[in-house]
Amino acid sequence: MGDLAEDDSMEVEGEADAMEIMEEDGSGDPSSFKEKALGVLKQGGYEDKRSSKLTQDDFLRMLALFNKAGIHFT
């Protein structure tokens, strides 16, 4: 039961991070953030890939692409 509470708090933090990105972006529009994130995935060729099939190197490359686009995960 404690794990569920941790998962809920992590989800809220993720949503807060997305809101911070949208504020920094100046758009404040969730759909523009989604478009930006999908653009990064397409740029790296990850838009059709399943996370369970990616290697650690794939994740690091994808993370680098997000960082370059100004999207940072904590």
Protein backbone atom coordinates (compact mmCIF):
# COMPACT_ATOMS: atom_id res chain seq x y z
CA MET A 1 0.00 0.00 0.00
CA GLY A 2 2.95 2.34 0.68
CA ASP A 3 4.18 1.81 -2.87
CA LEU A 4 0.91 3.12 -4.26
CA ALA A 5 1.27 6.35 -2.30
CA GLU A 6 4.83 6.79 -3.63
CA ASP A 7 3.64 6.22 -7.18
CA ASP A 8 0.90 8.83 -6.75
CA SER A 9 3.35 11.42 -5.47
CA MET A 10 5.75 10.72 -8.31
CA GLU A 11 2.96 11.28 -10.82
CA VAL A 12 2.10 14.62 -9.26
CA GLU A 13 5.77 15.67 -9.38
CA GLY A 14 5.91 14.73 -13.06
CA GLU A 15 2.86 16.85 -13.75
CA ALA A 16 4.40 19.75 -11.86
CA ASP A 17 7.60 19.41 -13.92
CA ALA A 18 5.56 19.52 -17.12
CA MET A 19 3.84 22.68 -15.90
CA GLU A 20 7.22 24.28 -15.13
CA ILE A 21 8.39 23.49 -18.66
CA MET A 22 5.26 25.01 -20.14
CA GLU A 23 5.76 28.14 -18.05
CA GLU A 24 9.41 28.41 -19.14
CA ASP A 25 8.32 27.86 -22.73
CA GLY A 26 5.88 30.73 -22.33
CA SER A 27 3.07 28.85 -24.01
CA GLY A 28 1.24 27.54 -20.94
CA ASP A 29 -0.50 25.18 -23.34
CA PRO A 30 -0.30 21.45 -22.57
CA SER A 31 -0.80 20.58 -26.24
CA SER A 32 2.31 22.60 -27.20
CA PHE A 33 4.34 20.66 -24.62
CA LYS A 34 2.99 17.40 -26.05
CA GLU A 35 3.93 18.52 -29.56
CA LYS A 36 7.42 19.46 -28.38
CA ALA A 37 7.90 16.10 -26.63
CA LEU A 38 6.60 14.17 -29.65
CA GLY A 39 8.94 16.18 -31.87
CA VAL A 40 11.90 15.09 -29.76
CA LEU A 41 10.78 11.46 -29.95
CA LYS A 42 10.41 11.68 -33.73
CA GLN A 43 13.80 13.36 -34.09
CA GLY A 44 15.44 10.42 -32.33
CA GLY A 45 13.35 7.79 -34.10
CA TYR A 46 11.67 6.73 -30.83
CA GLU A 47 8.04 7.63 -31.61
CA ASP A 48 7.03 4.06 -32.51
CA LYS A 49 9.24 2.19 -30.04
CA ARG A 50 8.14 0.51 -26.83
CA SER A 51 10.05 1.45 -23.70
CA SER A 52 10.47 -2.21 -22.76
CA LYS A 53 12.40 -2.77 -26.00
CA LEU A 54 14.86 0.10 -25.52
CA THR A 55 18.39 -0.42 -24.22
CA GLN A 56 20.04 1.74 -21.57
CA ASP A 57 21.99 3.47 -24.33
CA ASP A 58 18.71 4.22 -26.13
CA PHE A 59 17.33 5.83 -22.97
CA LEU A 60 20.49 7.90 -22.49
CA ARG A 61 20.37 9.11 -26.10
CA MET A 62 16.70 9.98 -25.73
CA LEU A 63 17.38 11.80 -22.44
CA ALA A 64 20.14 13.79 -24.16
CA LEU A 65 17.70 14.78 -26.93
CA PHE A 66 15.14 15.95 -24.37
CA ASN A 67 17.81 17.92 -22.49
CA LYS A 68 18.95 19.56 -25.74
CA ALA A 69 15.32 20.57 -26.40
CA GLY A 70 15.09 22.15 -22.94
CA ILE A 71 13.01 19.37 -21.35
CA HIS A 72 14.68 18.19 -18.14
CA PHE A 73 13.61 15.28 -15.95
CA THR A 74 14.31 15.18 -12.23
